[in-house]
Amino acid sequence: MADQFVTGDVFLFEADDSCISRLICKLSNSPVSHAAMYFKEGKIIEEGLPHIGTRPLDKLGNRAVHVRRYNRHEQSAEALLQAADKRLAEKEPYSIGNLVMVGVLLVFKTWKPDARWAVKQVLTALCVMLARAIDRSKTGGRHGATCSQFVYELYD
């Protein structure tokens, strides 16, 4: 099975039975609740609790997984591997604060601009401060990311 994937293939996981997975799907109006990237040697690399790690393809479970391939793969594979190896070695922490912030922003997206705009702005600012405080307490100020943010940053 591993021979059909190449470094950089993006794995998009549909929701599982966990509350957080179902909530992400509900708030984002998407069947996808998790993202990872094919790493090497039959493994994916992903951001998860408590930090970045790898998982063998045969341990993906029963979730539906959609795989997308980046068109310019040959030109970027080595750079992707280097970026992923670096973050794996550093045990980049998972950003609980960013996850909280994503949830709040997804709730806010349903609000229409009206008299509640000022309340929305204040709540957003408070949530940003809360997210940063959570991450400082959990990660000691180290860079953290959510799963989709991690995959995006590898490509960036």
Protein backbone atom coordinates (compact mmCIF):
# COMPACT_ATOMS: atom_id res chain seq x y z
CA MET A 1 0.00 0.00 0.00
CA ALA A 2 2.81 2.46 0.86
CA ASP A 3 4.25 2.26 -2.65
CA GLN A 4 1.27 4.18 -4.07
CA PHE A 5 2.08 7.29 -1.99
CA VAL A 6 4.86 9.82 -2.37
CA THR A 7 6.34 12.30 0.10
CA GLY A 8 4.04 15.29 0.25
CA ASP A 9 0.74 13.54 -0.41
CA VAL A 10 -1.82 15.22 1.84
CA PHE A 11 -4.12 12.94 3.85
CA LEU A 12 -7.49 14.44 4.80
CA PHE A 13 -9.33 12.40 7.42
CA GLU A 14 -13.10 12.35 7.78
CA ALA A 15 -14.55 12.58 11.28
CA ASP A 16 -14.26 9.74 13.74
CA ASP A 17 -16.42 9.20 16.83
CA SER A 18 -14.55 11.65 19.04
CA CYS A 19 -16.33 14.78 20.19
CA ILE A 20 -13.59 17.11 18.94
CA SER A 21 -13.58 15.50 15.49
CA ARG A 22 -17.35 15.79 15.12
CA LEU A 23 -17.27 19.38 16.40
CA ILE A 24 -14.59 20.39 13.87
CA CYS A 25 -16.70 18.93 11.06
CA LYS A 26 -19.88 20.60 12.28
CA LEU A 27 -18.35 24.03 12.72
CA SER A 28 -16.38 23.93 9.46
CA ASN A 29 -19.26 22.39 7.50
CA SER A 30 -16.82 19.82 6.15
CA PRO A 31 -16.48 16.05 6.42
CA VAL A 32 -12.74 16.53 7.12
CA SER A 33 -11.50 16.92 10.70
CA HIS A 34 -7.80 16.07 10.48
CA ALA A 35 -4.90 16.57 8.06
CA ALA A 36 -1.53 14.84 7.74
CA MET A 37 1.17 14.34 5.11
CA TYR A 38 2.78 11.21 3.71
CA PHE A 39 6.27 11.26 5.15
CA LYS A 40 8.39 8.28 4.13
CA GLU A 41 8.82 4.55 4.67
CA GLY A 42 5.09 3.83 4.91
CA LYS A 43 4.39 6.55 7.50
CA ILE A 44 2.43 9.77 7.71
CA ILE A 45 3.60 12.76 9.72
CA GLU A 46 0.98 14.66 11.67
CA GLU A 47 0.42 17.24 14.36
CA GLY A 48 -1.44 15.69 17.28
CA LEU A 49 -1.49 15.65 21.03
CA PRO A 50 0.92 16.16 22.65
CA HIS A 51 3.23 16.94 19.69
CA ILE A 52 4.17 16.12 16.12
CA GLY A 53 4.72 12.46 15.35
CA THR A 54 4.57 9.75 12.73
CA ARG A 55 2.15 6.89 12.32
CA PRO A 56 2.37 3.81 10.08
CA LEU A 57 -0.19 3.63 7.27
CA ASP A 58 -1.49 0.34 8.64
CA LYS A 59 -2.49 2.16 11.88
CA LEU A 60 -4.81 4.74 10.31
CA GLY A 61 -7.96 3.06 11.64
CA ASN A 62 -11.35 2.91 9.99
CA ARG A 63 -11.78 6.58 9.10
CA ALA A 64 -12.33 7.53 5.48
CA VAL A 65 -9.19 9.20 4.16
CA HIS A 66 -8.91 11.37 1.06
CA VAL A 67 -5.44 11.72 -0.45
CA ARG A 68 -4.37 14.70 -2.55
CA ARG A 69 -1.11 14.98 -4.46
CA TYR A 70 0.71 18.25 -4.99
CA ASN A 71 1.41 18.73 -8.72
CA ARG A 72 5.03 19.85 -8.38
CA HIS A 73 6.01 17.00 -6.10
CA GLU A 74 9.42 16.14 -7.60
CA GLN A 75 10.65 19.69 -7.09
CA SER A 76 9.47 19.94 -3.50
CA ALA A 77 9.89 16.46 -1.99
CA GLU A 78 13.34 17.07 -0.52
CA ALA A 79 12.33 20.42 0.97
CA LEU A 80 9.20 18.87 2.48
CA LEU A 81 11.24 16.05 4.01
CA GLN A 82 13.74 18.49 5.49
CA ALA A 83 11.00 20.68 7.00
CA ALA A 84 9.16 17.65 8.39
CA ASP A 85 12.34 16.06 9.80
CA LYS A 86 13.25 19.33 11.54
CA ARG A 87 9.84 19.68 13.20
CA LEU A 88 9.79 16.01 14.16
CA ALA A 89 13.21 16.32 15.81
CA GLU A 90 12.04 19.39 17.74
CA LYS A 91 8.83 17.58 18.84
CA GLU A 92 6.82 20.63 17.83
CA PRO A 93 3.91 20.88 20.28
CA TYR A 94 0.24 20.77 19.35
CA SER A 95 -1.40 24.18 19.68
CA ILE A 96 -4.43 23.83 21.93
CA GLY A 97 -4.73 27.62 21.83
CA ASN A 98 -4.97 27.63 18.05
CA LEU A 99 -7.60 24.90 18.18
CA VAL A 100 -9.65 27.00 20.62
CA MET A 101 -9.23 30.01 18.35
CA VAL A 102 -10.32 28.06 15.26
CA GLY A 103 -13.42 26.93 17.11
CA VAL A 104 -14.29 30.46 18.17
CA LEU A 105 -13.72 31.85 14.68
CA LEU A 106 -15.87 29.13 13.14
CA VAL A 107 -18.68 30.04 15.54
CA PHE A 108 -18.22 33.74 14.70
CA LYS A 109 -18.46 33.09 10.97
CA THR A 110 -22.18 32.49 11.40
CA TRP A 111 -22.73 36.00 12.83
CA LYS A 112 -23.98 38.70 10.49
CA PRO A 113 -22.47 42.22 10.72
CA ASP A 114 -24.85 44.25 12.88
CA ALA A 115 -24.95 45.74 16.36
CA ARG A 116 -23.11 42.68 17.69
CA TRP A 117 -20.01 43.59 15.67
CA ALA A 118 -18.30 45.33 18.63
CA VAL A 119 -19.03 42.37 20.92
CA LYS A 120 -17.59 40.05 18.28
CA GLN A 121 -14.40 42.14 18.06
CA VAL A 122 -13.93 42.17 21.83
CA LEU A 123 -14.56 38.43 22.11
CA THR A 124 -12.12 37.75 19.26
CA ALA A 125 -9.40 39.80 21.00
CA LEU A 126 -10.05 37.98 24.28
CA CYS A 127 -9.89 34.62 22.53
CA VAL A 128 -6.57 35.50 20.90
CA MET A 129 -5.17 36.41 24.32
CA LEU A 130 -6.59 33.20 25.80
CA ALA A 131 -5.15 31.08 22.98
CA ARG A 132 -1.70 32.61 23.47
CA ALA A 133 -1.88 32.11 27.24
CA ILE A 134 -2.89 28.46 26.80
CA ASP A 135 -0.01 27.84 24.41
CA ARG A 136 2.52 29.59 26.66
CA SER A 137 1.45 27.45 29.61
CA LYS A 138 1.40 24.20 27.61
CA THR A 139 4.37 24.66 25.29
CA GLY A 140 6.65 27.09 27.08
CA GLY A 141 6.38 29.57 24.24
CA ARG A 142 7.54 27.09 21.58
CA HIS A 143 5.85 27.25 18.19
CA GLY A 144 2.78 25.05 18.06
CA ALA A 145 0.36 24.23 15.28
CA THR A 146 -2.88 22.45 14.59
CA CYS A 147 -2.89 19.59 12.07
CA SER A 148 -3.98 21.59 9.03
CA GLN A 149 -1.72 24.49 9.98
CA PHE A 150 1.22 22.06 10.24
CA VAL A 151 0.63 20.64 6.73
CA TYR A 152 0.19 24.15 5.30
CA GLU A 153 3.40 25.38 6.94
CA LEU A 154 5.38 22.45 5.55
CA TYR A 155 4.33 23.46 2.05
CA ASP A 156 4.86 27.14 2.78
